[in-house]
Amino acid sequence: MSTLTTPHIDVHRGGDRMKTRVAWLDSKHSFSFGEHYDPDNTHHGLLLVNNEDIVVPGQGFDTHPHRDMEIVTWVLSGSLVHQDSLGHSGIIYPGLAQRMSAGTGILHSEKNDSWRLAPAQGGTTEHSDPVHFVQMWVVPDEPGLSPGYQQLEVDDELAAGDLVTVASGLSRYRDRTAIMINSSHSALHVARMPGEAGPPVELPEAPYLHLFVARGEIDMEGVGTLYEGDAVRLTRSGGQRIAANLPSEILVWEMHARLGAQ
């Protein structure tokens, strides 16, 4: 549990992340996950998981359980099929925000759906494209909530190049949030920045911020150049300006509490 009360900025390079690699999966973990455990790297604010995954065509995560967690999935390329024990199903693709509330317990699977997007002509069902996505877990306000699922298209909003609130429990974003999460101290913002010609983005101010460079290359005021896979953890900070050197996509968690102190 963090006890920092003064401004602090901590840069984590993408190459230093813990990794899981098997035949069908290339996964990089920003925090301790599964068999990869580091007692000094378990979370930031309310964010426990920030996994960047690449799944080969026709493969994926078989049915498995989750409990008492708000899970947000953001696809960067390709498509991912979600199916769960409550009967929810959907195809997640770039620009579609998706949230699953595990609550009292839910079973779900996630598979690379590239074959569904292949042309129908000639009857081809070739598995051609990997799916590249980031999955993030934040702690809900309380355990034992009802499980749930929600997804919504936000692609048009992202075209402006500024931060777009795609998932939130914060009341201040209620009127412009794509999907709601059961975490009243957390919000996820995403920006697709066109590159050098685009305007800079300004980070919100919050007790805890987590910035992840999902793709591209950016310059962050007071930090310097950040590359794909890099992350910055900020405490009692915010307001820094972000400029993209290349077409880039950033994911920013704004959090007003930390684990164990909601």
C-alpha atoms as a PDB file:
ATOM      1  CA  MET A   1       0.000   0.000   0.000  1.00  0.00           C
ATOM      2  CA  SER A   2       1.391   3.372  -1.022  1.00  0.00           C
ATOM      3  CA  THR A   3       1.770   6.042   1.646  1.00  0.00           C
ATOM      4  CA  LEU A   4       3.209   8.805  -0.522  1.00  0.00           C
ATOM      5  CA  THR A   5       1.693  12.239   0.144  1.00  0.00           C
ATOM      6  CA  THR A   6       4.119  14.394  -1.870  1.00  0.00           C
ATOM      7  CA  PRO A   7       4.311  14.621  -5.670  1.00  0.00           C
ATOM      8  CA  HIS A   8       6.130  11.659  -7.170  1.00  0.00           C
ATOM      9  CA  ILE A   9       6.697  10.444 -10.741  1.00  0.00           C
ATOM     10  CA  ASP A  10       7.928   6.911 -11.392  1.00  0.00           C
ATOM     11  CA  VAL A  11       8.789   5.787 -14.939  1.00  0.00           C
ATOM     12  CA  HIS A  12       8.547   2.072 -15.811  1.00  0.00           C
ATOM     13  CA  ARG A  13      10.064   1.017 -19.115  1.00  0.00           C
ATOM     14  CA  GLY A  14       8.223  -1.478 -21.271  1.00  0.00           C
ATOM     15  CA  GLY A  15      11.217  -3.779 -21.582  1.00  0.00           C
ATOM     16  CA  ASP A  16      11.350  -4.256 -17.813  1.00  0.00           C
ATOM     17  CA  ARG A  17       7.867  -5.737 -17.534  1.00  0.00           C
ATOM     18  CA  MET A  18       7.280  -9.315 -16.397  1.00  0.00           C
ATOM     19  CA  LYS A  19       6.391 -11.598 -19.324  1.00  0.00           C
ATOM     20  CA  THR A  20       4.341 -14.693 -20.031  1.00  0.00           C
ATOM     21  CA  ARG A  21       5.035 -16.361 -23.372  1.00  0.00           C
ATOM     22  CA  VAL A  22       3.476 -19.564 -24.652  1.00  0.00           C
ATOM     23  CA  ALA A  23       2.690 -20.780 -28.158  1.00  0.00           C
ATOM     24  CA  TRP A  24      -0.515 -18.744 -28.491  1.00  0.00           C
ATOM     25  CA  LEU A  25       0.104 -15.820 -26.115  1.00  0.00           C
ATOM     26  CA  ASP A  26       2.615 -13.011 -25.673  1.00  0.00           C
ATOM     27  CA  SER A  27       1.677 -11.185 -22.460  1.00  0.00           C
ATOM     28  CA  LYS A  28       3.492  -8.374 -20.668  1.00  0.00           C
ATOM     29  CA  HIS A  29       2.521  -7.456 -17.100  1.00  0.00           C
ATOM     30  CA  SER A  30       2.935  -3.987 -15.600  1.00  0.00           C
ATOM     31  CA  PHE A  31       2.181  -5.379 -12.107  1.00  0.00           C
ATOM     32  CA  SER A  32       2.535  -8.735 -10.360  1.00  0.00           C
ATOM     33  CA  PHE A  33       0.329 -11.268 -12.111  1.00  0.00           C
ATOM     34  CA  GLY A  34      -0.116 -15.021 -11.811  1.00  0.00           C
ATOM     35  CA  GLU A  35       3.196 -16.746 -11.200  1.00  0.00           C
ATOM     36  CA  HIS A  36       5.029 -13.430 -11.566  1.00  0.00           C
ATOM     37  CA  TYR A  37       5.110 -11.877  -8.114  1.00  0.00           C
ATOM     38  CA  ASP A  38       7.077  -8.880  -6.916  1.00  0.00           C
ATOM     39  CA  PRO A  39       6.010  -7.605  -3.472  1.00  0.00           C
ATOM     40  CA  ASP A  40       7.184  -4.121  -4.444  1.00  0.00           C
ATOM     41  CA  ASN A  41       5.094  -4.049  -7.617  1.00  0.00           C
ATOM     42  CA  THR A  42       1.521  -5.136  -6.884  1.00  0.00           C
ATOM     43  CA  HIS A  43      -0.598  -2.089  -7.814  1.00  0.00           C
ATOM     44  CA  HIS A  44      -0.813   1.676  -8.170  1.00  0.00           C
ATOM     45  CA  GLY A  45      -3.767   3.468  -6.640  1.00  0.00           C
ATOM     46  CA  LEU A  46      -6.669   1.101  -7.347  1.00  0.00           C
ATOM     47  CA  LEU A  47      -5.140  -0.420 -10.489  1.00  0.00           C
ATOM     48  CA  LEU A  48      -4.010  -4.024  -9.952  1.00  0.00           C
ATOM     49  CA  VAL A  49      -3.581  -5.302 -13.500  1.00  0.00           C
ATOM     50  CA  ASN A  50      -2.361  -3.695 -16.711  1.00  0.00           C
ATOM     51  CA  ASN A  51      -1.652  -6.578 -19.075  1.00  0.00           C
ATOM     52  CA  GLU A  52      -0.717  -6.078 -22.707  1.00  0.00           C
ATOM     53  CA  ASP A  53      -1.627  -9.251 -24.587  1.00  0.00           C
ATOM     54  CA  ILE A  54      -1.145 -10.532 -28.127  1.00  0.00           C
ATOM     55  CA  VAL A  55      -3.146 -13.677 -28.949  1.00  0.00           C
ATOM     56  CA  VAL A  56      -2.605 -15.635 -32.156  1.00  0.00           C
ATOM     57  CA  PRO A  57      -5.544 -16.346 -34.527  1.00  0.00           C
ATOM     58  CA  GLY A  58      -8.053 -18.956 -33.435  1.00  0.00           C
ATOM     59  CA  GLN A  59      -6.742 -19.121 -29.853  1.00  0.00           C
ATOM     60  CA  GLY A  60      -7.432 -17.419 -26.546  1.00  0.00           C
ATOM     61  CA  PHE A  61      -8.359 -17.736 -22.900  1.00  0.00           C
ATOM     62  CA  ASP A  62     -10.693 -20.658 -22.207  1.00  0.00           C
ATOM     63  CA  THR A  63     -13.537 -20.277 -19.705  1.00  0.00           C
ATOM     64  CA  HIS A  64     -12.168 -19.150 -16.353  1.00  0.00           C
ATOM     65  CA  PRO A  65     -13.538 -17.432 -13.216  1.00  0.00           C
ATOM     66  CA  HIS A  66     -13.261 -13.899 -11.834  1.00  0.00           C
ATOM     67  CA  ARG A  67     -14.631 -12.367  -8.636  1.00  0.00           C
ATOM     68  CA  ASP A  68     -14.897  -8.875  -7.088  1.00  0.00           C
ATOM     69  CA  MET A  69     -13.057  -6.982  -9.811  1.00  0.00           C
ATOM     70  CA  GLU A  70     -13.892  -4.334 -12.429  1.00  0.00           C
ATOM     71  CA  ILE A  71     -12.254  -5.496 -15.669  1.00  0.00           C
ATOM     72  CA  VAL A  72     -11.858  -3.154 -18.641  1.00  0.00           C
ATOM     73  CA  THR A  73     -10.585  -4.474 -21.980  1.00  0.00           C
ATOM     74  CA  TRP A  74      -9.254  -2.168 -24.704  1.00  0.00           C
ATOM     75  CA  VAL A  75      -8.392  -3.648 -28.117  1.00  0.00           C
ATOM     76  CA  LEU A  76      -5.620  -2.014 -30.153  1.00  0.00           C
ATOM     77  CA  SER A  77      -5.870  -4.213 -33.264  1.00  0.00           C
ATOM     78  CA  GLY A  78      -7.782  -7.302 -34.323  1.00  0.00           C
ATOM     79  CA  SER A  79     -10.910  -8.499 -32.542  1.00  0.00           C
ATOM     80  CA  LEU A  80     -11.714 -10.417 -29.369  1.00  0.00           C
ATOM     81  CA  VAL A  81     -14.829 -12.497 -28.639  1.00  0.00           C
ATOM     82  CA  HIS A  82     -16.207 -12.325 -25.095  1.00  0.00           C
ATOM     83  CA  GLN A  83     -18.654 -14.920 -23.748  1.00  0.00           C
ATOM     84  CA  ASP A  84     -19.690 -15.309 -20.122  1.00  0.00           C
ATOM     85  CA  SER A  85     -21.819 -17.389 -17.782  1.00  0.00           C
ATOM     86  CA  LEU A  86     -24.553 -14.734 -17.630  1.00  0.00           C
ATOM     87  CA  GLY A  87     -25.237 -15.070 -21.342  1.00  0.00           C
ATOM     88  CA  HIS A  88     -23.406 -11.942 -22.439  1.00  0.00           C
ATOM     89  CA  SER A  89     -21.423 -12.133 -25.661  1.00  0.00           C
ATOM     90  CA  GLY A  90     -19.807  -9.587 -27.905  1.00  0.00           C
ATOM     91  CA  ILE A  91     -16.969  -8.838 -30.263  1.00  0.00           C
ATOM     92  CA  ILE A  92     -14.518  -6.243 -28.946  1.00  0.00           C
ATOM     93  CA  TYR A  93     -12.574  -4.277 -31.552  1.00  0.00           C
ATOM     94  CA  PRO A  94     -10.567  -1.007 -31.661  1.00  0.00           C
ATOM     95  CA  GLY A  95     -12.694   1.904 -30.481  1.00  0.00           C
ATOM     96  CA  LEU A  96     -15.117  -0.256 -28.496  1.00  0.00           C
ATOM     97  CA  ALA A  97     -14.995   0.171 -24.721  1.00  0.00           C
ATOM     98  CA  GLN A  98     -15.843  -2.983 -22.759  1.00  0.00           C
ATOM     99  CA  ARG A  99     -16.358  -3.552 -19.040  1.00  0.00           C
ATOM    100  CA  MET A 100     -17.049  -6.719 -17.086  1.00  0.00           C
ATOM    101  CA  SER A 101     -17.966  -6.502 -13.396  1.00  0.00           C
ATOM    102  CA  ALA A 102     -17.042  -9.837 -11.845  1.00  0.00           C
ATOM    103  CA  GLY A 103     -18.919  -9.178  -8.588  1.00  0.00           C
ATOM    104  CA  THR A 104     -20.051 -12.302  -6.756  1.00  0.00           C
ATOM    105  CA  GLY A 105     -18.528 -14.430  -9.490  1.00  0.00           C
ATOM    106  CA  ILE A 106     -18.545 -14.857 -13.241  1.00  0.00           C
ATOM    107  CA  LEU A 107     -17.082 -17.272 -15.784  1.00  0.00           C
ATOM    108  CA  HIS A 108     -15.938 -16.007 -19.156  1.00  0.00           C
ATOM    109  CA  SER A 109     -13.769 -16.766 -22.157  1.00  0.00           C
ATOM    110  CA  GLU A 110     -11.862 -14.494 -24.542  1.00  0.00           C
ATOM    111  CA  LYS A 111     -10.852 -15.686 -27.990  1.00  0.00           C
ATOM    112  CA  ASN A 112      -9.151 -14.202 -31.031  1.00  0.00           C
ATOM    113  CA  ASP A 113     -12.010 -13.687 -33.471  1.00  0.00           C
ATOM    114  CA  SER A 114     -10.010 -12.861 -36.606  1.00  0.00           C
ATOM    115  CA  TRP A 115     -11.687 -15.596 -38.642  1.00  0.00           C
ATOM    116  CA  ARG A 116     -15.088 -13.927 -38.248  1.00  0.00           C
ATOM    117  CA  LEU A 117     -13.742 -10.839 -40.000  1.00  0.00           C
ATOM    118  CA  ALA A 118     -12.326 -12.739 -42.992  1.00  0.00           C
ATOM    119  CA  PRO A 119     -14.070 -12.219 -46.371  1.00  0.00           C
ATOM    120  CA  ALA A 120     -16.916 -14.644 -47.006  1.00  0.00           C
ATOM    121  CA  GLN A 121     -16.110 -14.978 -50.710  1.00  0.00           C
ATOM    122  CA  GLY A 122     -15.005 -18.490 -51.590  1.00  0.00           C
ATOM    123  CA  GLY A 123     -15.973 -19.751 -48.170  1.00  0.00           C
ATOM    124  CA  THR A 124     -12.637 -18.828 -46.601  1.00  0.00           C
ATOM    125  CA  THR A 125     -12.348 -18.813 -42.817  1.00  0.00           C
ATOM    126  CA  GLU A 126      -8.620 -18.151 -42.585  1.00  0.00           C
ATOM    127  CA  HIS A 127      -7.264 -17.234 -39.173  1.00  0.00           C
ATOM    128  CA  SER A 128      -5.039 -14.382 -40.278  1.00  0.00           C
ATOM    129  CA  ASP A 129      -4.698 -11.644 -37.663  1.00  0.00           C
ATOM    130  CA  PRO A 130      -3.461 -11.651 -34.075  1.00  0.00           C
ATOM    131  CA  VAL A 131      -5.462  -9.627 -31.566  1.00  0.00           C
ATOM    132  CA  HIS A 132      -3.567  -7.034 -29.538  1.00  0.00           C
ATOM    133  CA  PHE A 133      -5.258  -5.653 -26.441  1.00  0.00           C
ATOM    134  CA  VAL A 134      -4.742  -4.229 -22.958  1.00  0.00           C
ATOM    135  CA  GLN A 135      -6.717  -5.597 -20.045  1.00  0.00           C
ATOM    136  CA  MET A 136      -6.958  -3.575 -16.839  1.00  0.00           C
ATOM    137  CA  TRP A 137      -8.398  -4.479 -13.431  1.00  0.00           C
ATOM    138  CA  VAL A 138      -9.447  -1.996 -10.754  1.00  0.00           C
ATOM    139  CA  VAL A 139     -10.868  -2.669  -7.310  1.00  0.00           C
ATOM    140  CA  PRO A 140     -14.641  -2.103  -6.907  1.00  0.00           C
ATOM    141  CA  ASP A 141     -16.083  -0.002  -4.097  1.00  0.00           C
ATOM    142  CA  GLU A 142     -17.267  -3.087  -2.247  1.00  0.00           C
ATOM    143  CA  PRO A 143     -17.270  -6.873  -2.660  1.00  0.00           C
ATOM    144  CA  GLY A 144     -20.315  -8.952  -3.440  1.00  0.00           C
ATOM    145  CA  LEU A 145     -21.846  -6.777  -6.166  1.00  0.00           C
ATOM    146  CA  SER A 146     -23.966  -8.260  -8.939  1.00  0.00           C
ATOM    147  CA  PRO A 147     -21.927  -9.307 -11.991  1.00  0.00           C
ATOM    148  CA  GLY A 148     -22.443  -7.265 -15.142  1.00  0.00           C
ATOM    149  CA  TYR A 149     -21.230  -6.467 -18.636  1.00  0.00           C
ATOM    150  CA  GLN A 150     -21.300  -3.374 -20.838  1.00  0.00           C
ATOM    151  CA  GLN A 151     -19.745  -2.259 -24.117  1.00  0.00           C
ATOM    152  CA  LEU A 152     -20.079   0.872 -26.214  1.00  0.00           C
ATOM    153  CA  GLU A 153     -18.507   2.314 -29.370  1.00  0.00           C
ATOM    154  CA  VAL A 154     -16.396   5.463 -28.770  1.00  0.00           C
ATOM    155  CA  ASP A 155     -14.411   5.548 -32.011  1.00  0.00           C
ATOM    156  CA  ASP A 156     -15.852   8.858 -33.247  1.00  0.00           C
ATOM    157  CA  GLU A 157     -14.969  10.658 -30.013  1.00  0.00           C
ATOM    158  CA  LEU A 158     -11.354   9.476 -30.257  1.00  0.00           C
ATOM    159  CA  ALA A 159     -10.897  11.152 -33.643  1.00  0.00           C
ATOM    160  CA  ALA A 160     -10.418  14.560 -31.952  1.00  0.00           C
ATOM    161  CA  GLY A 161      -7.077  13.426 -30.507  1.00  0.00           C
ATOM    162  CA  ASP A 162      -7.838  14.518 -26.935  1.00  0.00           C
ATOM    163  CA  LEU A 163      -8.449  12.409 -23.846  1.00  0.00           C
ATOM    164  CA  VAL A 164     -11.801  10.613 -23.990  1.00  0.00           C
ATOM    165  CA  THR A 165     -13.322   9.168 -20.814  1.00  0.00           C
ATOM    166  CA  VAL A 166     -14.201   5.605 -21.782  1.00  0.00           C
ATOM    167  CA  ALA A 167     -14.920   4.063 -18.362  1.00  0.00           C
ATOM    168  CA  SER A 168     -15.614   5.736 -15.046  1.00  0.00           C
ATOM    169  CA  GLY A 169     -17.245   5.610 -11.650  1.00  0.00           C
ATOM    170  CA  LEU A 170     -16.379   9.252 -10.949  1.00  0.00           C
ATOM    171  CA  SER A 171     -19.477  11.468 -10.804  1.00  0.00           C
ATOM    172  CA  ARG A 172     -17.675  14.331 -12.549  1.00  0.00           C
ATOM    173  CA  TYR A 173     -17.566  12.310 -15.779  1.00  0.00           C
ATOM    174  CA  ARG A 174     -21.074  10.896 -15.603  1.00  0.00           C
ATOM    175  CA  ASP A 175     -22.335  12.956 -18.535  1.00  0.00           C
ATOM    176  CA  ARG A 176     -19.489  11.967 -20.846  1.00  0.00           C
ATOM    177  CA  THR A 177     -18.581   8.448 -19.812  1.00  0.00           C
ATOM    178  CA  ALA A 178     -18.955   5.619 -22.286  1.00  0.00           C
ATOM    179  CA  ILE A 179     -19.313   2.857 -19.705  1.00  0.00           C
ATOM    180  CA  MET A 180     -19.788   2.907 -15.937  1.00  0.00           C
ATOM    181  CA  ILE A 181     -17.648   0.937 -13.491  1.00  0.00           C
ATOM    182  CA  ASN A 182     -18.358   0.130  -9.849  1.00  0.00           C
ATOM    183  CA  SER A 183     -15.364   2.125  -8.658  1.00  0.00           C
ATOM    184  CA  SER A 184     -16.421   5.622  -7.631  1.00  0.00           C
ATOM    185  CA  HIS A 185     -12.784   6.759  -7.342  1.00  0.00           C
ATOM    186  CA  SER A 186     -11.554   5.659 -10.794  1.00  0.00           C
ATOM    187  CA  ALA A 187     -11.773   6.677 -14.438  1.00  0.00           C
ATOM    188  CA  LEU A 188     -10.040   5.483 -17.592  1.00  0.00           C
ATOM    189  CA  HIS A 189      -9.243   8.017 -20.316  1.00  0.00           C
ATOM    190  CA  VAL A 190      -7.892   7.156 -23.769  1.00  0.00           C
ATOM    191  CA  ALA A 191      -6.336   9.438 -26.390  1.00  0.00           C
ATOM    192  CA  ARG A 192      -5.475   8.611 -29.989  1.00  0.00           C
ATOM    193  CA  MET A 193      -2.926  11.237 -30.905  1.00  0.00           C
ATOM    194  CA  PRO A 194      -2.216  11.798 -34.621  1.00  0.00           C
ATOM    195  CA  GLY A 195       1.464  12.695 -34.190  1.00  0.00           C
ATOM    196  CA  GLU A 196       3.528  15.856 -34.385  1.00  0.00           C
ATOM    197  CA  ALA A 197       0.808  17.796 -36.180  1.00  0.00           C
ATOM    198  CA  GLY A 198      -1.736  17.104 -33.444  1.00  0.00           C
ATOM    199  CA  PRO A 199      -2.418  19.215 -30.335  1.00  0.00           C
ATOM    200  CA  PRO A 200      -0.904  18.227 -26.978  1.00  0.00           C
ATOM    201  CA  VAL A 201      -2.957  16.451 -24.324  1.00  0.00           C
ATOM    202  CA  GLU A 202      -3.029  17.554 -20.687  1.00  0.00           C
ATOM    203  CA  LEU A 203      -3.194  14.980 -17.903  1.00  0.00           C
ATOM    204  CA  PRO A 204      -5.871  15.391 -15.217  1.00  0.00           C
ATOM    205  CA  GLU A 205      -4.788  16.122 -11.666  1.00  0.00           C
ATOM    206  CA  ALA A 206      -5.374  13.331  -9.163  1.00  0.00           C
ATOM    207  CA  PRO A 207      -3.828  11.616  -6.146  1.00  0.00           C
ATOM    208  CA  TYR A 208      -2.921   8.687  -8.417  1.00  0.00           C
ATOM    209  CA  LEU A 209      -2.435   8.549 -12.181  1.00  0.00           C
ATOM    210  CA  HIS A 210      -1.229   5.700 -14.368  1.00  0.00           C
ATOM    211  CA  LEU A 211      -0.242   6.524 -17.944  1.00  0.00           C
ATOM    212  CA  PHE A 212       0.450   3.678 -20.371  1.00  0.00           C
ATOM    213  CA  VAL A 213       1.796   4.150 -23.890  1.00  0.00           C
ATOM    214  CA  ALA A 214      -0.166   1.496 -25.762  1.00  0.00           C
ATOM    215  CA  ARG A 215       1.409   2.399 -29.109  1.00  0.00           C
ATOM    216  CA  GLY A 216       3.608   5.092 -30.616  1.00  0.00           C
ATOM    217  CA  GLU A 217       6.019   7.515 -28.993  1.00  0.00           C
ATOM    218  CA  ILE A 218       5.297  10.568 -26.857  1.00  0.00           C
ATOM    219  CA  ASP A 219       7.068  13.335 -24.982  1.00  0.00           C
ATOM    220  CA  MET A 220       5.816  14.019 -21.468  1.00  0.00           C
ATOM    221  CA  GLU A 221       6.494  17.325 -19.789  1.00  0.00           C
ATOM    222  CA  GLY A 222       9.007  16.871 -16.980  1.00  0.00           C
ATOM    223  CA  VAL A 223       9.731  13.250 -17.946  1.00  0.00           C
ATOM    224  CA  GLY A 224      10.992  13.128 -21.542  1.00  0.00           C
ATOM    225  CA  THR A 225      10.395  10.578 -24.271  1.00  0.00           C
ATOM    226  CA  LEU A 226       8.214   7.556 -23.611  1.00  0.00           C
ATOM    227  CA  TYR A 227       8.032   4.626 -25.998  1.00  0.00           C
ATOM    228  CA  GLU A 228       5.499   1.908 -26.713  1.00  0.00           C
ATOM    229  CA  GLY A 229       5.016  -0.215 -23.590  1.00  0.00           C
ATOM    230  CA  ASP A 230       6.351   2.421 -21.193  1.00  0.00           C
ATOM    231  CA  ALA A 231       4.258   3.501 -18.206  1.00  0.00           C
ATOM    232  CA  VAL A 232       4.380   6.370 -15.739  1.00  0.00           C
ATOM    233  CA  ARG A 233       2.949   6.197 -12.216  1.00  0.00           C
ATOM    234  CA  LEU A 234       2.173   9.591 -10.723  1.00  0.00           C
ATOM    235  CA  THR A 235       1.246  10.398  -7.141  1.00  0.00           C
ATOM    236  CA  ARG A 236      -0.213  13.772  -6.066  1.00  0.00           C
ATOM    237  CA  SER A 237       0.458  15.079  -9.538  1.00  0.00           C
ATOM    238  CA  GLY A 238      -1.070  15.841 -12.925  1.00  0.00           C
ATOM    239  CA  GLY A 239      -1.392  18.692 -15.366  1.00  0.00           C
ATOM    240  CA  GLN A 240       1.601  17.615 -17.452  1.00  0.00           C
ATOM    241  CA  ARG A 241       1.321  18.087 -21.206  1.00  0.00           C
ATOM    242  CA  ILE A 242       1.769  15.153 -23.556  1.00  0.00           C
ATOM    243  CA  ALA A 243       2.881  15.576 -27.182  1.00  0.00           C
ATOM    244  CA  ALA A 244       3.028  12.721 -29.688  1.00  0.00           C
ATOM    245  CA  ASN A 245       6.101  12.280 -31.888  1.00  0.00           C
ATOM    246  CA  LEU A 246       4.325   9.546 -33.871  1.00  0.00           C
ATOM    247  CA  PRO A 247       0.704   8.430 -34.145  1.00  0.00           C
ATOM    248  CA  SER A 248       0.145   7.199 -30.598  1.00  0.00           C
ATOM    249  CA  GLU A 249      -2.440   5.821 -28.225  1.00  0.00           C
ATOM    250  CA  ILE A 250      -2.281   6.416 -24.477  1.00  0.00           C
ATOM    251  CA  LEU A 251      -4.360   4.951 -21.641  1.00  0.00           C
ATOM    252  CA  VAL A 252      -4.634   7.052 -18.482  1.00  0.00           C
ATOM    253  CA  TRP A 253      -6.187   5.883 -15.213  1.00  0.00           C
ATOM    254  CA  GLU A 254      -7.247   8.715 -12.918  1.00  0.00           C
ATOM    255  CA  MET A 255      -7.696   7.497  -9.334  1.00  0.00           C
ATOM    256  CA  HIS A 256      -8.728   9.332  -6.182  1.00  0.00           C
ATOM    257  CA  ALA A 257      -8.044   6.531  -3.720  1.00  0.00           C
ATOM    258  CA  ARG A 258      -5.593   3.719  -3.202  1.00  0.00           C
ATOM    259  CA  LEU A 259      -5.955   0.077  -2.344  1.00  0.00           C
ATOM    260  CA  GLY A 260      -7.218  -0.324   1.206  1.00  0.00           C
ATOM    261  CA  ALA A 261      -8.146   3.344   1.592  1.00  0.00           C
ATOM    262  CA  GLN A 262     -11.204   3.924  -0.602  1.00  0.00           C
END
